[in-house]
Amino acid sequence: MESGPAIFAGVVFALFGGALLVWTGTRVRRGEPVALGVNQVASAALAGAAGVLALGLAAYCLTRL
């Protein structure tokens, strides 16, 4: 992978994953729903898994330089 696109993709994945985890954690801590009309535990688990997956993709992209 060329280094320019790998750095860009890694930074985008890292920002998205980090922001999603912070947002999900804040919503859960306040007792607010993560997604409307969905079980709170299931939506928090799915959003958390998506955030961790995005951070994993960021790590993969940034280690392929």
PDB file of N, CA and C in Angstrom:
ATOM      1  N   MET A   1       0.854  -1.167   0.000  1.00  0.00           N
ATOM      2  CA  MET A   1       0.000   0.000   0.000  1.00  0.00           C
ATOM      3  C   MET A   1       0.901   1.230   0.000  1.00  0.00           C
ATOM      4  N   GLU A   2       0.547   2.215  -0.782  1.00  0.00           N
ATOM      5  CA  GLU A   2       1.325   3.455  -0.779  1.00  0.00           C
ATOM      6  C   GLU A   2       1.137   4.166   0.555  1.00  0.00           C
ATOM      7  N   SER A   3       2.141   4.893   0.962  1.00  0.00           N
ATOM      8  CA  SER A   3       2.098   5.460   2.313  1.00  0.00           C
ATOM      9  C   SER A   3       1.086   6.583   2.461  1.00  0.00           C
ATOM     10  N   GLY A   4       0.871   7.414   1.435  1.00  0.00           N
ATOM     11  CA  GLY A   4      -0.084   8.520   1.546  1.00  0.00           C
ATOM     12  C   GLY A   4      -1.504   8.054   1.803  1.00  0.00           C
ATOM     13  N   PRO A   5      -2.066   7.182   0.947  1.00  0.00           N
ATOM     14  CA  PRO A   5      -3.416   6.693   1.194  1.00  0.00           C
ATOM     15  C   PRO A   5      -3.530   5.863   2.476  1.00  0.00           C
ATOM     16  N   ALA A   6      -2.471   5.144   2.837  1.00  0.00           N
ATOM     17  CA  ALA A   6      -2.515   4.343   4.063  1.00  0.00           C
ATOM     18  C   ALA A   6      -2.589   5.236   5.293  1.00  0.00           C
ATOM     19  N   ILE A   7      -1.840   6.312   5.289  1.00  0.00           N
ATOM     20  CA  ILE A   7      -1.883   7.247   6.417  1.00  0.00           C
ATOM     21  C   ILE A   7      -3.252   7.908   6.506  1.00  0.00           C
ATOM     22  N   PHE A   8      -3.790   8.347   5.367  1.00  0.00           N
ATOM     23  CA  PHE A   8      -5.102   8.986   5.360  1.00  0.00           C
ATOM     24  C   PHE A   8      -6.179   8.030   5.865  1.00  0.00           C
ATOM     25  N   ALA A   9      -6.199   6.804   5.337  1.00  0.00           N
ATOM     26  CA  ALA A   9      -7.209   5.833   5.759  1.00  0.00           C
ATOM     27  C   ALA A   9      -7.049   5.498   7.235  1.00  0.00           C
ATOM     28  N   GLY A  10      -5.812   5.337   7.693  1.00  0.00           N
ATOM     29  CA  GLY A  10      -5.587   5.016   9.097  1.00  0.00           C
ATOM     30  C   GLY A  10      -6.066   6.120  10.029  1.00  0.00           C
ATOM     31  N   VAL A  11      -5.807   7.363   9.656  1.00  0.00           N
ATOM     32  CA  VAL A  11      -6.243   8.487  10.488  1.00  0.00           C
ATOM     33  C   VAL A  11      -7.766   8.599  10.497  1.00  0.00           C
ATOM     34  N   VAL A  12      -8.394   8.390   9.336  1.00  0.00           N
ATOM     35  CA  VAL A  12      -9.857   8.459   9.268  1.00  0.00           C
ATOM     36  C   VAL A  12     -10.480   7.359  10.124  1.00  0.00           C
ATOM     37  N   PHE A  13      -9.975   6.135  10.002  1.00  0.00           N
ATOM     38  CA  PHE A  13     -10.497   5.042  10.825  1.00  0.00           C
ATOM     39  C   PHE A  13     -10.275   5.313  12.311  1.00  0.00           C
ATOM     40  N   ALA A  14      -9.118   5.845  12.674  1.00  0.00           N
ATOM     41  CA  ALA A  14      -8.830   6.122  14.081  1.00  0.00           C
ATOM     42  C   ALA A  14      -9.754   7.201  14.641  1.00  0.00           C
ATOM     43  N   LEU A  15      -9.961   8.260  13.887  1.00  0.00           N
ATOM     44  CA  LEU A  15     -10.860   9.323  14.354  1.00  0.00           C
ATOM     45  C   LEU A  15     -12.290   8.823  14.486  1.00  0.00           C
ATOM     46  N   PHE A  16     -12.756   8.068  13.485  1.00  0.00           N
ATOM     47  CA  PHE A  16     -14.124   7.556  13.539  1.00  0.00           C
ATOM     48  C   PHE A  16     -14.301   6.581  14.695  1.00  0.00           C
ATOM     49  N   GLY A  17     -13.379   5.633  14.829  1.00  0.00           N
ATOM     50  CA  GLY A  17     -13.495   4.635  15.894  1.00  0.00           C
ATOM     51  C   GLY A  17     -13.420   5.261  17.277  1.00  0.00           C
ATOM     52  N   GLY A  18     -12.488   6.179  17.461  1.00  0.00           N
ATOM     53  CA  GLY A  18     -12.374   6.844  18.757  1.00  0.00           C
ATOM     54  C   GLY A  18     -13.597   7.673  19.099  1.00  0.00           C
ATOM     55  N   ALA A  19     -14.086   8.429  18.118  1.00  0.00           N
ATOM     56  CA  ALA A  19     -15.279   9.255  18.351  1.00  0.00           C
ATOM     57  C   ALA A  19     -16.503   8.388  18.638  1.00  0.00           C
ATOM     58  N   LEU A  20     -16.627   7.272  17.925  1.00  0.00           N
ATOM     59  CA  LEU A  20     -17.776   6.385  18.148  1.00  0.00           C
ATOM     60  C   LEU A  20     -17.724   5.773  19.537  1.00  0.00           C
ATOM     61  N   LEU A  21     -16.554   5.384  19.997  1.00  0.00           N
ATOM     62  CA  LEU A  21     -16.441   4.815  21.344  1.00  0.00           C
ATOM     63  C   LEU A  21     -16.712   5.858  22.423  1.00  0.00           C
ATOM     64  N   VAL A  22     -16.222   7.069  22.235  1.00  0.00           N
ATOM     65  CA  VAL A  22     -16.476   8.136  23.214  1.00  0.00           C
ATOM     66  C   VAL A  22     -17.963   8.471  23.249  1.00  0.00           C
ATOM     67  N   TRP A  23     -18.582   8.594  22.082  1.00  0.00           N
ATOM     68  CA  TRP A  23     -20.007   8.928  22.015  1.00  0.00           C
ATOM     69  C   TRP A  23     -20.857   7.827  22.648  1.00  0.00           C
ATOM     70  N   THR A  24     -20.534   6.573  22.335  1.00  0.00           N
ATOM     71  CA  THR A  24     -21.295   5.457  22.890  1.00  0.00           C
ATOM     72  C   THR A  24     -21.131   5.398  24.406  1.00  0.00           C
ATOM     73  N   GLY A  25     -19.916   5.567  24.880  1.00  0.00           N
ATOM     74  CA  GLY A  25     -19.680   5.546  26.320  1.00  0.00           C
ATOM     75  C   GLY A  25     -20.402   6.662  27.044  1.00  0.00           C
ATOM     76  N   THR A  26     -20.437   7.833  26.434  1.00  0.00           N
ATOM     77  CA  THR A  26     -21.143   8.960  27.040  1.00  0.00           C
ATOM     78  C   THR A  26     -22.640   8.702  27.107  1.00  0.00           C
ATOM     79  N   ARG A  27     -23.200   8.172  26.028  1.00  0.00           N
ATOM     80  CA  ARG A  27     -24.644   7.879  26.017  1.00  0.00           C
ATOM     81  C   ARG A  27     -24.996   6.809  27.051  1.00  0.00           C
ATOM     82  N   VAL A  28     -24.188   5.783  27.159  1.00  0.00           N
ATOM     83  CA  VAL A  28     -24.463   4.703  28.104  1.00  0.00           C
ATOM     84  C   VAL A  28     -24.332   5.217  29.539  1.00  0.00           C
ATOM     85  N   ARG A  29     -23.294   6.012  29.806  1.00  0.00           N
ATOM     86  CA  ARG A  29     -23.085   6.533  31.164  1.00  0.00           C
ATOM     87  C   ARG A  29     -24.245   7.417  31.604  1.00  0.00           C
ATOM     88  N   ARG A  30     -24.809   8.183  30.667  1.00  0.00           N
ATOM     89  CA  ARG A  30     -25.941   9.050  31.001  1.00  0.00           C
ATOM     90  C   ARG A  30     -27.277   8.309  31.036  1.00  0.00           C
ATOM     91  N   GLY A  31     -27.299   7.072  30.572  1.00  0.00           N
ATOM     92  CA  GLY A  31     -28.534   6.296  30.542  1.00  0.00           C
ATOM     93  C   GLY A  31     -29.418   6.631  29.362  1.00  0.00           C
ATOM     94  N   GLU A  32     -28.876   7.302  28.365  1.00  0.00           N
ATOM     95  CA  GLU A  32     -29.636   7.663  27.178  1.00  0.00           C
ATOM     96  C   GLU A  32     -29.517   6.550  26.136  1.00  0.00           C
ATOM     97  N   PRO A  33     -30.492   6.429  25.249  1.00  0.00           N
ATOM     98  CA  PRO A  33     -30.417   5.362  24.241  1.00  0.00           C
ATOM     99  C   PRO A  33     -29.319   5.645  23.219  1.00  0.00           C
ATOM    100  N   VAL A  34     -28.645   4.597  22.801  1.00  0.00           N
ATOM    101  CA  VAL A  34     -27.623   4.718  21.767  1.00  0.00           C
ATOM    102  C   VAL A  34     -28.297   4.783  20.407  1.00  0.00           C
ATOM    103  N   ALA A  35     -29.342   3.987  20.207  1.00  0.00           N
ATOM    104  CA  ALA A  35     -30.147   4.011  18.983  1.00  0.00           C
ATOM    105  C   ALA A  35     -31.617   3.957  19.398  1.00  0.00           C
ATOM    106  N   LEU A  36     -32.426   4.765  18.780  1.00  0.00           N
ATOM    107  CA  LEU A  36     -33.847   4.825  19.143  1.00  0.00           C
ATOM    108  C   LEU A  36     -34.572   3.567  18.675  1.00  0.00           C
ATOM    109  N   GLY A  37     -35.398   3.013  19.558  1.00  0.00           N
ATOM    110  CA  GLY A  37     -36.223   1.871  19.214  1.00  0.00           C
ATOM    111  C   GLY A  37     -35.501   0.533  19.240  1.00  0.00           C
ATOM    112  N   VAL A  38     -34.295   0.503  19.803  1.00  0.00           N
ATOM    113  CA  VAL A  38     -33.504  -0.727  19.857  1.00  0.00           C
ATOM    114  C   VAL A  38     -33.121  -0.975  21.308  1.00  0.00           C
ATOM    115  N   ASN A  39     -32.965  -2.244  21.665  1.00  0.00           N
ATOM    116  CA  ASN A  39     -32.523  -2.600  23.010  1.00  0.00           C
ATOM    117  C   ASN A  39     -31.224  -1.861  23.320  1.00  0.00           C
ATOM    118  N   GLN A  40     -31.149  -1.224  24.482  1.00  0.00           N
ATOM    119  CA  GLN A  40     -29.993  -0.394  24.829  1.00  0.00           C
ATOM    120  C   GLN A  40     -28.709  -1.207  24.916  1.00  0.00           C
ATOM    121  N   VAL A  41     -28.786  -2.401  25.453  1.00  0.00           N
ATOM    122  CA  VAL A  41     -27.579  -3.227  25.590  1.00  0.00           C
ATOM    123  C   VAL A  41     -27.089  -3.673  24.219  1.00  0.00           C
ATOM    124  N   ALA A  42     -28.005  -4.086  23.357  1.00  0.00           N
ATOM    125  CA  ALA A  42     -27.619  -4.555  22.025  1.00  0.00           C
ATOM    126  C   ALA A  42     -27.034  -3.424  21.184  1.00  0.00           C
ATOM    127  N   SER A  43     -27.654  -2.255  21.248  1.00  0.00           N
ATOM    128  CA  SER A  43     -27.146  -1.138  20.443  1.00  0.00           C
ATOM    129  C   SER A  43     -25.794  -0.652  20.961  1.00  0.00           C
ATOM    130  N   ALA A  44     -25.602  -0.642  22.270  1.00  0.00           N
ATOM    131  CA  ALA A  44     -24.314  -0.237  22.823  1.00  0.00           C
ATOM    132  C   ALA A  44     -23.236  -1.255  22.463  1.00  0.00           C
ATOM    133  N   ALA A  45     -23.572  -2.532  22.503  1.00  0.00           N
ATOM    134  CA  ALA A  45     -22.591  -3.563  22.155  1.00  0.00           C
ATOM    135  C   ALA A  45     -22.215  -3.483  20.677  1.00  0.00           C
ATOM    136  N   LEU A  46     -23.187  -3.272  19.815  1.00  0.00           N
ATOM    137  CA  LEU A  46     -22.909  -3.181  18.381  1.00  0.00           C
ATOM    138  C   LEU A  46     -22.091  -1.933  18.055  1.00  0.00           C
ATOM    139  N   ALA A  47     -22.434  -0.810  18.661  1.00  0.00           N
ATOM    140  CA  ALA A  47     -21.678   0.420  18.426  1.00  0.00           C
ATOM    141  C   ALA A  47     -20.258   0.292  18.981  1.00  0.00           C
ATOM    142  N   GLY A  48     -20.113  -0.335  20.123  1.00  0.00           N
ATOM    143  CA  GLY A  48     -18.782  -0.554  20.686  1.00  0.00           C
ATOM    144  C   GLY A  48     -17.940  -1.465  19.815  1.00  0.00           C
ATOM    145  N   ALA A  49     -18.561  -2.518  19.288  1.00  0.00           N
ATOM    146  CA  ALA A  49     -17.835  -3.430  18.396  1.00  0.00           C
ATOM    147  C   ALA A  49     -17.413  -2.724  17.113  1.00  0.00           C
ATOM    148  N   ALA A  50     -18.276  -1.860  16.587  1.00  0.00           N
ATOM    149  CA  ALA A  50     -17.927  -1.109  15.376  1.00  0.00           C
ATOM    150  C   ALA A  50     -16.774  -0.149  15.648  1.00  0.00           C
ATOM    151  N   GLY A  51     -16.758   0.474  16.820  1.00  0.00           N
ATOM    152  CA  GLY A  51     -15.669   1.371  17.182  1.00  0.00           C
ATOM    153  C   GLY A  51     -14.342   0.635  17.324  1.00  0.00           C
ATOM    154  N   VAL A  52     -14.377  -0.520  17.958  1.00  0.00           N
ATOM    155  CA  VAL A  52     -13.160  -1.316  18.121  1.00  0.00           C
ATOM    156  C   VAL A  52     -12.676  -1.826  16.767  1.00  0.00           C
ATOM    157  N   LEU A  53     -13.600  -2.233  15.898  1.00  0.00           N
ATOM    158  CA  LEU A  53     -13.235  -2.681  14.559  1.00  0.00           C
ATOM    159  C   LEU A  53     -12.573  -1.555  13.767  1.00  0.00           C
ATOM    160  N   ALA A  54     -13.113  -0.345  13.874  1.00  0.00           N
ATOM    161  CA  ALA A  54     -12.520   0.796  13.175  1.00  0.00           C
ATOM    162  C   ALA A  54     -11.119   1.093  13.702  1.00  0.00           C
ATOM    163  N   LEU A  55     -10.914   0.988  15.006  1.00  0.00           N
ATOM    164  CA  LEU A  55      -9.572   1.199  15.558  1.00  0.00           C
ATOM    165  C   LEU A  55      -8.617   0.089  15.119  1.00  0.00           C
ATOM    166  N   GLY A  56      -9.128  -1.117  14.987  1.00  0.00           N
ATOM    167  CA  GLY A  56      -8.302  -2.210  14.484  1.00  0.00           C
ATOM    168  C   GLY A  56      -7.898  -1.985  13.034  1.00  0.00           C
ATOM    169  N   LEU A  57      -8.825  -1.506  12.219  1.00  0.00           N
ATOM    170  CA  LEU A  57      -8.501  -1.176  10.832  1.00  0.00           C
ATOM    171  C   LEU A  57      -7.497  -0.040  10.753  1.00  0.00           C
ATOM    172  N   ALA A  58      -7.615   0.919  11.654  1.00  0.00           N
ATOM    173  CA  ALA A  58      -6.650   2.014  11.696  1.00  0.00           C
ATOM    174  C   ALA A  58      -5.252   1.481  12.017  1.00  0.00           C
ATOM    175  N   ALA A  59      -5.177   0.607  12.977  1.00  0.00           N
ATOM    176  CA  ALA A  59      -3.880   0.018  13.340  1.00  0.00           C
ATOM    177  C   ALA A  59      -3.316  -0.773  12.160  1.00  0.00           C
ATOM    178  N   TYR A  60      -4.156  -1.512  11.479  1.00  0.00           N
ATOM    179  CA  TYR A  60      -3.705  -2.275  10.311  1.00  0.00           C
ATOM    180  C   TYR A  60      -3.163  -1.343   9.218  1.00  0.00           C
ATOM    181  N   CYS A  61      -3.908  -0.293   8.912  1.00  0.00           N
ATOM    182  CA  CYS A  61      -3.477   0.636   7.864  1.00  0.00           C
ATOM    183  C   CYS A  61      -2.170   1.328   8.233  1.00  0.00           C
ATOM    184  N   LEU A  62      -2.038   1.715   9.483  1.00  0.00           N
ATOM    185  CA  LEU A  62      -0.848   2.457   9.893  1.00  0.00           C
ATOM    186  C   LEU A  62       0.377   1.560  10.064  1.00  0.00           C
ATOM    187  N   THR A  63       0.173   0.257  10.227  1.00  0.00           N
ATOM    188  CA  THR A  63       1.329  -0.629  10.318  1.00  0.00           C
ATOM    189  C   THR A  63       1.763  -1.146   8.959  1.00  0.00           C
ATOM    190  N   ARG A  64       1.009  -0.865   7.910  1.00  0.00           N
ATOM    191  CA  ARG A  64       1.352  -1.319   6.567  1.00  0.00           C
ATOM    192  C   ARG A  64       2.211  -0.312   5.824  1.00  0.00           C
ATOM    193  N   LEU A  65       2.731   0.686   6.507  1.00  0.00           N
ATOM    194  CA  LEU A  65       3.527   1.726   5.843  1.00  0.00           C
ATOM    195  C   LEU A  65       4.818   1.204   5.397  1.00  0.00           C
TER     196      LEU A  65
END
